[in-house]
């Protein structure tokens, strides 16, 4: 009976990395988000477009610095596999804005600490 229990226990073992995708973001499928291309490319295009919108009068050096920083940030996001997660959050924020609300992060009030 003990050997049967051991065999059963071995079949019940889970590997957090391969079985549960431990440390991987859980996001909707690309089709649900309307993404047909590589998520990292879509995120990069979206960010570069927003950079131009947010800094329309930036001087050449400032734009160079901003793009270098953006490349670094996108590299980190991509290395961790979070491009789709960031796109899902952006999609949610867009929906909230389309409903007429101003999305903002919530933080606890200092007096509640």
C-alpha atoms as a PDB file:
ATOM      1  CA  UNK A   1       0.000   0.000   0.000  1.00  0.00           C
ATOM      2  CA  UNK A   2       2.845   2.381   0.769  1.00  0.00           C
ATOM      3  CA  UNK A   3       4.373   1.920  -2.683  1.00  0.00           C
ATOM      4  CA  UNK A   4       0.983   2.588  -4.311  1.00  0.00           C
ATOM      5  CA  UNK A   5       0.681   5.800  -2.279  1.00  0.00           C
ATOM      6  CA  UNK A   6       4.183   6.866  -3.363  1.00  0.00           C
ATOM      7  CA  UNK A   7       3.332   6.250  -7.045  1.00  0.00           C
ATOM      8  CA  UNK A   8       0.138   8.264  -6.688  1.00  0.00           C
ATOM      9  CA  UNK A   9       1.994  11.087  -4.918  1.00  0.00           C
ATOM     10  CA  UNK A  10       4.531  11.285  -7.778  1.00  0.00           C
ATOM     11  CA  UNK A  11       1.725  11.722 -10.315  1.00  0.00           C
ATOM     12  CA  UNK A  12       0.286  14.579  -8.252  1.00  0.00           C
ATOM     13  CA  UNK A  13       3.469  16.660  -8.160  1.00  0.00           C
ATOM     14  CA  UNK A  14       3.324  20.010  -9.928  1.00  0.00           C
ATOM     15  CA  UNK A  15       6.212  22.012 -11.249  1.00  0.00           C
ATOM     16  CA  UNK A  16       5.491  25.712 -10.638  1.00  0.00           C
ATOM     17  CA  UNK A  17       7.347  26.766 -13.797  1.00  0.00           C
ATOM     18  CA  UNK A  18       6.006  24.349 -16.375  1.00  0.00           C
ATOM     19  CA  UNK A  19       2.651  23.326 -14.909  1.00  0.00           C
ATOM     20  CA  UNK A  20       1.482  26.583 -13.339  1.00  0.00           C
ATOM     21  CA  UNK A  21       3.506  29.109 -15.382  1.00  0.00           C
ATOM     22  CA  UNK A  22       4.746  30.565 -12.088  1.00  0.00           C
ATOM     23  CA  UNK A  23       5.932  34.184 -12.405  1.00  0.00           C
ATOM     24  CA  UNK A  24       4.224  34.573 -15.781  1.00  0.00           C
ATOM     25  CA  UNK A  25       1.532  37.222 -16.114  1.00  0.00           C
ATOM     26  CA  UNK A  26      -1.986  35.906 -16.562  1.00  0.00           C
ATOM     27  CA  UNK A  27      -3.558  37.955 -19.337  1.00  0.00           C
ATOM     28  CA  UNK A  28      -6.267  37.476 -21.959  1.00  0.00           C
ATOM     29  CA  UNK A  29      -5.387  35.838 -25.247  1.00  0.00           C
ATOM     30  CA  UNK A  30      -4.016  38.144 -27.942  1.00  0.00           C
ATOM     31  CA  UNK A  31      -7.178  37.751 -30.042  1.00  0.00           C
ATOM     32  CA  UNK A  32      -9.333  39.101 -27.208  1.00  0.00           C
ATOM     33  CA  UNK A  33      -7.111  42.187 -27.003  1.00  0.00           C
ATOM     34  CA  UNK A  34      -7.238  42.580 -30.787  1.00  0.00           C
ATOM     35  CA  UNK A  35      -3.495  42.014 -31.197  1.00  0.00           C
ATOM     36  CA  UNK A  36      -2.360  40.241 -34.351  1.00  0.00           C
ATOM     37  CA  UNK A  37       1.339  41.167 -34.234  1.00  0.00           C
ATOM     38  CA  UNK A  38       4.078  40.469 -31.719  1.00  0.00           C
ATOM     39  CA  UNK A  39       2.967  42.095 -28.418  1.00  0.00           C
ATOM     40  CA  UNK A  40       6.422  43.625 -27.866  1.00  0.00           C
ATOM     41  CA  UNK A  41       6.226  45.345 -31.278  1.00  0.00           C
ATOM     42  CA  UNK A  42       2.676  46.574 -30.633  1.00  0.00           C
ATOM     43  CA  UNK A  43       3.682  47.959 -27.234  1.00  0.00           C
ATOM     44  CA  UNK A  44       6.761  49.666 -28.700  1.00  0.00           C
ATOM     45  CA  UNK A  45       4.685  51.336 -31.453  1.00  0.00           C
ATOM     46  CA  UNK A  46       2.091  52.468 -28.951  1.00  0.00           C
ATOM     47  CA  UNK A  47       4.726  53.869 -26.586  1.00  0.00           C
ATOM     48  CA  UNK A  48       6.627  55.677 -29.350  1.00  0.00           C
ATOM     49  CA  UNK A  49       3.397  57.255 -30.549  1.00  0.00           C
ATOM     50  CA  UNK A  50       2.551  58.392 -27.010  1.00  0.00           C
ATOM     51  CA  UNK A  51       6.061  59.764 -26.565  1.00  0.00           C
ATOM     52  CA  UNK A  52       5.599  62.020 -29.578  1.00  0.00           C
ATOM     53  CA  UNK A  53       2.186  63.139 -28.265  1.00  0.00           C
ATOM     54  CA  UNK A  54       3.455  63.874 -24.758  1.00  0.00           C
ATOM     55  CA  UNK A  55       6.596  65.721 -25.836  1.00  0.00           C
ATOM     56  CA  UNK A  56       5.652  67.522 -29.072  1.00  0.00           C
ATOM     57  CA  UNK A  57       8.152  70.357 -28.515  1.00  0.00           C
ATOM     58  CA  UNK A  58      11.053  68.338 -27.160  1.00  0.00           C
ATOM     59  CA  UNK A  59      14.495  69.279 -28.437  1.00  0.00           C
ATOM     60  CA  UNK A  60      16.585  66.702 -30.313  1.00  0.00           C
ATOM     61  CA  UNK A  61      18.717  65.742 -27.284  1.00  0.00           C
ATOM     62  CA  UNK A  62      15.685  65.411 -25.042  1.00  0.00           C
ATOM     63  CA  UNK A  63      13.982  63.147 -27.603  1.00  0.00           C
ATOM     64  CA  UNK A  64      17.154  61.078 -27.872  1.00  0.00           C
ATOM     65  CA  UNK A  65      17.276  60.673 -24.083  1.00  0.00           C
ATOM     66  CA  UNK A  66      13.576  59.807 -23.929  1.00  0.00           C
ATOM     67  CA  UNK A  67      13.912  57.183 -26.661  1.00  0.00           C
ATOM     68  CA  UNK A  68      16.939  55.630 -24.967  1.00  0.00           C
ATOM     69  CA  UNK A  69      15.027  55.374 -21.705  1.00  0.00           C
ATOM     70  CA  UNK A  70      12.001  53.958 -23.505  1.00  0.00           C
ATOM     71  CA  UNK A  71      14.184  51.329 -25.196  1.00  0.00           C
ATOM     72  CA  UNK A  72      15.574  50.323 -21.807  1.00  0.00           C
ATOM     73  CA  UNK A  73      12.105  50.097 -20.241  1.00  0.00           C
ATOM     74  CA  UNK A  74      10.685  48.141 -23.181  1.00  0.00           C
ATOM     75  CA  UNK A  75      13.660  45.788 -23.016  1.00  0.00           C
ATOM     76  CA  UNK A  76      12.958  45.081 -19.355  1.00  0.00           C
ATOM     77  CA  UNK A  77       9.239  44.581 -19.979  1.00  0.00           C
ATOM     78  CA  UNK A  78       9.968  42.262 -22.901  1.00  0.00           C
ATOM     79  CA  UNK A  79      12.602  40.278 -20.999  1.00  0.00           C
ATOM     80  CA  UNK A  80      10.074  39.481 -18.278  1.00  0.00           C
ATOM     81  CA  UNK A  81       7.369  38.644 -20.834  1.00  0.00           C
ATOM     82  CA  UNK A  82       5.047  41.419 -19.678  1.00  0.00           C
ATOM     83  CA  UNK A  83       4.296  43.126 -23.018  1.00  0.00           C
ATOM     84  CA  UNK A  84       0.833  41.570 -23.250  1.00  0.00           C
ATOM     85  CA  UNK A  85       0.118  42.519 -19.631  1.00  0.00           C
ATOM     86  CA  UNK A  86       0.946  46.175 -20.314  1.00  0.00           C
ATOM     87  CA  UNK A  87      -1.242  46.103 -23.439  1.00  0.00           C
ATOM     88  CA  UNK A  88      -4.122  44.601 -21.421  1.00  0.00           C
ATOM     89  CA  UNK A  89      -3.807  47.377 -18.836  1.00  0.00           C
ATOM     90  CA  UNK A  90      -3.659  50.009 -21.597  1.00  0.00           C
ATOM     91  CA  UNK A  91      -6.787  48.502 -23.185  1.00  0.00           C
ATOM     92  CA  UNK A  92      -8.591  48.693 -19.835  1.00  0.00           C
ATOM     93  CA  UNK A  93      -7.535  52.321 -19.333  1.00  0.00           C
ATOM     94  CA  UNK A  94      -8.748  53.165 -22.845  1.00  0.00           C
ATOM     95  CA  UNK A  95     -12.155  51.612 -22.082  1.00  0.00           C
ATOM     96  CA  UNK A  96     -12.410  53.614 -18.856  1.00  0.00           C
ATOM     97  CA  UNK A  97     -11.542  56.830 -20.694  1.00  0.00           C
ATOM     98  CA  UNK A  98     -14.085  56.013 -23.429  1.00  0.00           C
ATOM     99  CA  UNK A  99     -16.741  55.802 -20.683  1.00  0.00           C
ATOM    100  CA  UNK A 100     -15.911  59.367 -19.678  1.00  0.00           C
ATOM    101  CA  UNK A 101     -13.923  58.608 -16.548  1.00  0.00           C
ATOM    102  CA  UNK A 102     -10.401  59.737 -15.712  1.00  0.00           C
ATOM    103  CA  UNK A 103      -8.481  56.639 -14.656  1.00  0.00           C
ATOM    104  CA  UNK A 104      -5.971  57.093 -11.874  1.00  0.00           C
ATOM    105  CA  UNK A 105      -4.183  54.782  -9.496  1.00  0.00           C
ATOM    106  CA  UNK A 106      -5.649  54.560  -6.049  1.00  0.00           C
ATOM    107  CA  UNK A 107      -3.405  54.860  -3.037  1.00  0.00           C
ATOM    108  CA  UNK A 108      -4.348  54.705   0.630  1.00  0.00           C
ATOM    109  CA  UNK A 109      -4.867  58.067   2.265  1.00  0.00           C
ATOM    110  CA  UNK A 110      -1.968  59.059   4.552  1.00  0.00           C
ATOM    111  CA  UNK A 111      -4.318  59.543   7.484  1.00  0.00           C
ATOM    112  CA  UNK A 112      -5.409  55.906   7.149  1.00  0.00           C
ATOM    113  CA  UNK A 113      -1.861  54.631   7.809  1.00  0.00           C
END
